[in-house]
Protein backbone atom coordinates (compact mmCIF):
# COMPACT_ATOMS: atom_id res chain seq x y z
CA MET A 1 9.90 4.96 16.74
CA ALA A 2 7.06 2.53 16.07
CA VAL A 3 5.00 2.81 19.27
CA ASP A 4 1.46 4.24 19.45
CA LYS A 5 0.06 6.67 22.02
CA ASN A 6 -0.93 3.78 24.31
CA GLY A 7 2.54 2.26 24.30
CA TYR A 8 1.75 -0.59 21.91
CA ILE A 9 3.98 -1.47 18.99
CA SER A 10 2.45 -0.03 15.85
CA VAL A 11 0.71 -2.18 13.25
CA LEU A 12 0.97 -1.77 9.50
CA ALA A 13 -1.01 1.07 7.97
CA ILE A 14 -3.62 -0.10 5.46
CA LYS A 15 -2.37 0.81 1.99
CA PRO A 16 -3.07 -0.60 -1.47
CA ILE A 17 -0.43 -2.96 -2.85
CA GLN A 18 1.81 -1.08 -5.27
CA LYS A 19 0.64 -1.79 -8.81
CA GLU A 20 4.10 -3.02 -9.84
CA TYR A 21 3.75 -5.99 -7.46
CA GLN A 22 0.10 -6.91 -7.89
CA ALA A 23 0.58 -9.36 -10.78
CA LEU A 24 3.48 -11.03 -8.96
CA LEU A 25 1.36 -11.56 -5.84
CA VAL A 26 -1.50 -12.94 -7.93
CA PHE A 27 0.89 -15.42 -9.55
CA VAL A 28 2.38 -16.59 -6.25
CA GLN A 29 -1.03 -16.97 -4.63
CA SER A 30 -2.31 -18.89 -7.66
CA ARG A 31 0.63 -21.32 -7.57
CA LEU A 32 0.17 -21.90 -3.84
CA LEU A 33 -3.54 -22.61 -4.25
CA THR A 34 -2.88 -24.93 -7.18
CA LEU A 35 -0.41 -26.97 -5.12
CA TYR A 36 -2.21 -26.96 -1.79
CA GLU A 37 -5.87 -26.16 -2.47
CA SER A 38 -7.76 -26.40 0.83
CA HIS A 39 -4.56 -26.98 2.83
CA ILE A 40 -3.76 -23.26 2.60
CA CYS A 41 -4.83 -21.66 5.86
CA SER A 42 -3.40 -18.17 5.41
CA ILE A 43 -1.08 -16.11 3.23
CA PHE A 44 0.57 -12.93 4.51
CA VAL A 45 3.01 -10.50 2.94
CA TYR A 46 5.55 -8.54 4.97
CA GLY A 47 8.50 -6.24 4.37
CA SER A 48 8.57 -3.32 1.95
CA VAL A 49 5.86 -4.76 -0.33
CA ALA A 50 3.51 -4.92 2.67
CA THR A 51 4.28 -1.34 3.71
CA GLY A 52 4.03 0.10 0.20
CA ALA A 53 7.68 1.17 0.18
CA ALA A 54 9.10 -1.43 -2.23
CA LYS A 55 11.47 -0.26 -4.96
CA PRO A 56 11.75 -2.31 -8.16
CA PRO A 57 14.06 -4.07 -8.87
CA ARG A 58 15.81 -3.84 -5.48
CA SER A 59 13.13 -4.93 -3.00
CA ASP A 60 12.43 -8.57 -2.16
CA LEU A 61 8.99 -10.14 -1.84
CA ASP A 62 8.56 -11.70 1.61
CA LEU A 63 5.62 -13.95 2.47
CA CYS A 64 4.34 -16.09 5.33
CA VAL A 65 2.42 -19.18 4.27
CA ILE A 66 0.43 -21.03 6.91
CA LEU A 67 -0.82 -24.55 6.13
CA ASP A 68 -3.34 -26.69 8.00
CA LYS A 69 -0.88 -29.59 8.04
CA ASP A 70 2.61 -30.32 9.33
CA ILE A 71 5.45 -28.94 7.23
CA ASP A 72 7.81 -31.37 5.49
CA ASP A 73 10.75 -31.18 3.08
CA ILE A 74 8.46 -31.36 0.05
CA ASP A 75 6.69 -28.20 1.21
CA LYS A 76 10.03 -26.40 1.56
CA LEU A 77 11.05 -27.54 -1.93
CA ASN A 78 7.72 -26.32 -3.30
CA MET A 79 8.44 -22.86 -1.91
CA VAL A 80 11.87 -22.82 -3.55
CA ASN A 81 10.34 -23.78 -6.90
CA ILE A 82 7.58 -21.18 -6.69
CA ALA A 83 10.16 -18.53 -5.79
CA GLN A 84 12.31 -19.42 -8.81
CA GLN A 85 9.31 -19.36 -11.15
CA ALA A 86 8.19 -16.00 -9.77
CA ILE A 87 11.60 -14.38 -10.23
CA GLU A 88 11.86 -15.66 -13.81
CA LEU A 89 8.42 -14.32 -14.74
CA TYR A 90 8.57 -11.14 -12.66
CA PRO A 91 12.17 -9.86 -12.48
CA ILE A 92 11.08 -6.74 -10.57
CA VAL A 93 12.19 -8.61 -7.42
CA PRO A 94 15.66 -10.10 -6.86
CA LYS A 95 14.33 -12.66 -4.39
CA VAL A 96 11.11 -14.23 -3.10
CA ASP A 97 11.27 -15.53 0.46
CA PHE A 98 8.75 -17.76 2.21
CA ASP A 99 8.34 -18.29 5.94
CA ILE A 100 6.25 -21.45 6.16
CA ALA A 101 4.56 -23.02 9.19
CA SER A 102 1.54 -25.05 10.23
CA LYS A 103 -1.45 -23.38 11.86
CA SER A 104 -0.95 -25.48 14.99
CA GLU A 105 2.68 -24.29 15.26
CA VAL A 106 1.71 -20.65 14.86
CA LEU A 107 -0.91 -20.90 17.61
CA LEU A 108 1.29 -22.69 20.16
CA ARG A 109 1.51 -20.74 23.43
CA GLU A 110 5.32 -20.74 23.29
CA ASN A 111 5.21 -19.07 19.86
CA ILE A 112 3.08 -16.09 20.89
CA THR A 113 6.05 -13.73 21.10
CA SER A 114 7.49 -14.97 17.80
CA TRP A 115 4.77 -15.93 15.32
CA GLY A 116 2.07 -14.01 17.19
CA TYR A 117 4.06 -10.81 17.30
CA TRP A 118 5.22 -11.18 13.69
CA LEU A 119 1.76 -11.69 12.22
CA LYS A 120 0.21 -8.98 14.37
CA HIS A 121 2.73 -6.23 13.76
CA HIS A 122 4.68 -6.98 10.58
CA CYS A 123 2.38 -8.89 8.25
CA ARG A 124 -0.42 -7.96 5.90
CA HIS A 125 -3.11 -10.58 5.40
CA ILE A 126 -3.87 -11.28 1.72
CA TYR A 127 -5.62 -14.68 1.70
CA GLY A 128 -7.46 -17.14 3.93
CA GLU A 129 -7.91 -16.97 7.69
CA ASP A 130 -6.43 -13.88 9.30
CA LEU A 131 -4.56 -15.51 12.17
CA SER A 132 -3.28 -12.13 13.37
CA LEU A 133 -6.73 -11.65 14.91
CA GLN A 134 -5.90 -14.46 17.34
CA PHE A 135 -3.34 -12.23 19.08
CA SER A 136 -3.53 -9.05 21.14
CA LEU A 137 -1.30 -6.07 20.46
CA PHE A 138 2.21 -6.29 21.89
CA LYS A 139 4.16 -3.72 23.88
CA PRO A 140 7.94 -3.34 23.60
CA SER A 141 9.71 -5.97 25.65
CA ARG A 142 12.93 -7.90 25.80
CA ALA A 143 10.96 -11.14 25.45
CA VAL A 144 9.62 -10.12 22.03
CA ALA A 145 13.01 -8.80 20.90
CA TYR A 146 14.63 -12.12 21.80
CA ALA A 147 11.85 -14.14 20.17
CA VAL A 148 12.54 -12.36 16.89
CA ASN A 149 16.32 -11.87 17.02
CA GLY A 150 17.69 -14.04 19.82
CA ASP A 151 19.00 -16.46 17.21
CA TYR A 152 21.38 -13.89 15.73
CA LEU A 153 24.59 -15.79 16.61
CA THR A 154 23.41 -18.95 14.84
CA LEU A 155 22.06 -17.17 11.77
CA LEU A 156 25.01 -14.84 11.36
CA SER A 157 27.47 -17.73 11.76
CA ASP A 158 25.65 -19.48 8.93
CA TYR A 159 25.87 -16.35 6.78
CA LEU A 160 29.59 -16.09 7.46
CA LEU A 161 30.14 -19.68 6.40
CA ARG A 162 28.20 -19.24 3.16
CA ILE A 163 30.00 -15.99 2.36
CA GLU A 164 33.38 -17.61 2.97
CA GLN A 165 32.47 -20.46 0.61
CA THR A 166 31.34 -18.34 -2.35
CA ASN A 167 33.51 -16.79 -5.05
CA ASP A 168 30.56 -15.32 -6.93
CA LEU A 169 30.25 -11.54 -6.53
CA LYS A 170 26.48 -11.48 -6.95
CA THR A 171 26.03 -14.17 -4.29
CA PHE A 172 28.44 -12.37 -1.95
CA LEU A 173 26.55 -9.09 -2.26
CA LYS A 174 23.21 -10.79 -1.67
CA LEU A 175 24.36 -12.72 1.40
CA SER A 176 26.43 -9.88 2.88
CA LYS A 177 23.56 -7.39 2.64
CA GLU A 178 21.14 -9.87 4.21
CA ALA A 179 23.61 -10.53 7.03
CA SER A 180 24.12 -6.80 7.55
CA LYS A 181 20.39 -6.22 7.97
CA LYS A 182 20.09 -9.14 10.40
CA LEU A 183 23.00 -7.82 12.47
CA ILE A 184 21.53 -4.32 12.73
CA ARG A 185 18.04 -5.56 13.61
CA SER A 186 19.48 -7.91 16.22
CA THR A 187 20.65 -4.93 18.27
CA ASN A 188 17.06 -4.53 19.46
CA ILE A 189 17.81 -7.21 22.09
CA LEU A 190 19.89 -4.57 23.91
CA ARG A 191 17.00 -3.26 25.99
CA ALA A 192 15.26 -3.32 29.34
CA GLN A 193 12.73 -6.01 30.19
CA GLU A 194 9.68 -3.86 29.40
CA GLY A 195 8.76 -0.57 27.76
CA GLY A 196 10.73 1.92 25.76
CA ASP A 197 10.76 2.54 22.05
CA TRP A 198 10.56 -0.02 19.27
CA PRO A 199 12.67 0.62 16.17
CA ASP A 200 11.30 -0.28 12.77
CA SER A 201 13.69 0.92 10.06
CA LEU A 202 17.42 0.23 10.07
CA ASP A 203 18.05 3.93 10.69
CA GLU A 204 15.83 3.79 13.78
CA HIS A 205 17.84 0.86 15.13
CA LEU A 206 20.99 2.96 14.92
CA SER A 207 19.31 6.04 16.39
CA ARG A 208 18.23 4.24 19.56
CA LEU A 209 21.72 2.76 19.99
CA ILE A 210 23.35 6.20 20.15
CA LYS A 211 22.10 6.53 23.74
CA ILE A 212 22.76 2.89 24.66
CA GLU A 213 26.04 1.91 23.01
CA PRO A 214 27.50 4.66 20.76
CA LYS A 215 30.65 2.65 20.04
CA LEU A 216 28.51 -0.06 18.46
CA VAL A 217 26.85 2.53 16.21
CA LYS A 218 30.25 3.38 14.72
CA GLU A 219 30.75 -0.29 13.86
CA LEU A 220 27.29 -0.62 12.33
CA ILE A 221 27.70 2.37 10.00
CA PHE A 222 30.04 0.11 7.99
CA PHE A 223 27.12 -2.25 7.33
CA MET A 224 24.66 0.54 6.52
CA LYS A 225 27.06 1.73 3.81
CA HIS A 226 27.44 -1.80 2.49
CA ILE A 227 23.66 -2.34 2.32
CA GLU A 228 23.26 0.85 0.30
CA LEU A 229 26.37 0.73 -1.90
CA GLY A 230 27.87 -2.77 -1.72
CA ILE A 231 31.33 -1.22 -1.58
CA TYR A 232 33.33 -3.58 0.63
CA GLN A 233 35.34 -6.60 -0.48
CA LYS A 234 34.66 -10.05 0.93
CA ASN A 235 37.67 -10.29 3.25
CA GLU A 236 37.12 -6.81 4.65
CA PHE A 237 33.44 -7.56 5.20
CA LEU A 238 34.13 -10.87 6.95
CA ILE A 239 36.62 -9.31 9.36
CA GLN A 240 34.26 -6.46 10.22
CA MET A 241 31.28 -8.79 10.65
CA LYS A 242 33.14 -11.17 12.96
CA ASN A 243 34.44 -8.29 15.08
CA THR A 244 31.03 -6.64 15.35
CA ILE A 245 29.29 -9.89 16.26
CA SER A 246 31.80 -10.31 19.09
CA PHE A 247 31.19 -6.71 20.18
CA LEU A 248 27.40 -7.15 20.17
CA SER A 249 27.66 -10.44 22.06
CA ALA A 250 29.84 -8.82 24.73
CA VAL A 251 27.40 -5.91 25.17
CA GLU A 252 24.52 -8.38 25.38
CA LYS A 253 26.33 -10.38 28.07
CA ASN A 254 27.04 -7.23 30.07
CA ILE A 255 23.37 -6.21 30.01
CA ASN A 256 22.26 -9.71 30.98
CA GLU A 257 24.55 -9.64 34.01
CA LYS A 258 23.03 -6.37 35.20
CA LEU A 259 19.39 -7.48 34.89
């Protein structure tokens, strides 16, 4: 599990960007700088490209873009356009995702356990000011787990709605695999207030649950298979997802009542 000898959550190991993704990152950074020039505060990459474990053409490119101004709808549309251009020119990735925020938002005290934790432990700085240096290392805690995944009911409900509305197989597979990953990672909220391990990979999330809630692990194996193989039909997936969300919510409530 991703905790160092002093009990802090591990940070990313320093590795060169895989050569397959270097041109793509150069393109995205160039487009961002062309659009925003001096308004770009920082650019970070996270996910498998950041860790050096990306697999063309399956792995997404995930970035955090921090601006020195408030974020508006035009900025969000710009990110969508850059993502579409990048995928067309560099089809080694199926998707390019941007998390976008202002510097002032990132540095707000109430965002320390969300943005602060994320930049410090999941992101790799590639341009501009390294805002991760503004934050100390984090130790495993329920507060951090909730800051990252406490929104699981809202996000998964949105995924369910979008899956129900699509009849396109490619879109279904994309959304259902994203939802499956979110569901599995959200189980990290099932923990004590402080201390313990800190799962990184999806497999590690399941491993820690064996001791906590083995019945939930059996439910989640369905989603691990779907992420890898995409073998389940839409109706079967929706039923399983709704049931497992209810199961997770009930376990969460039970833990909350005991704390």
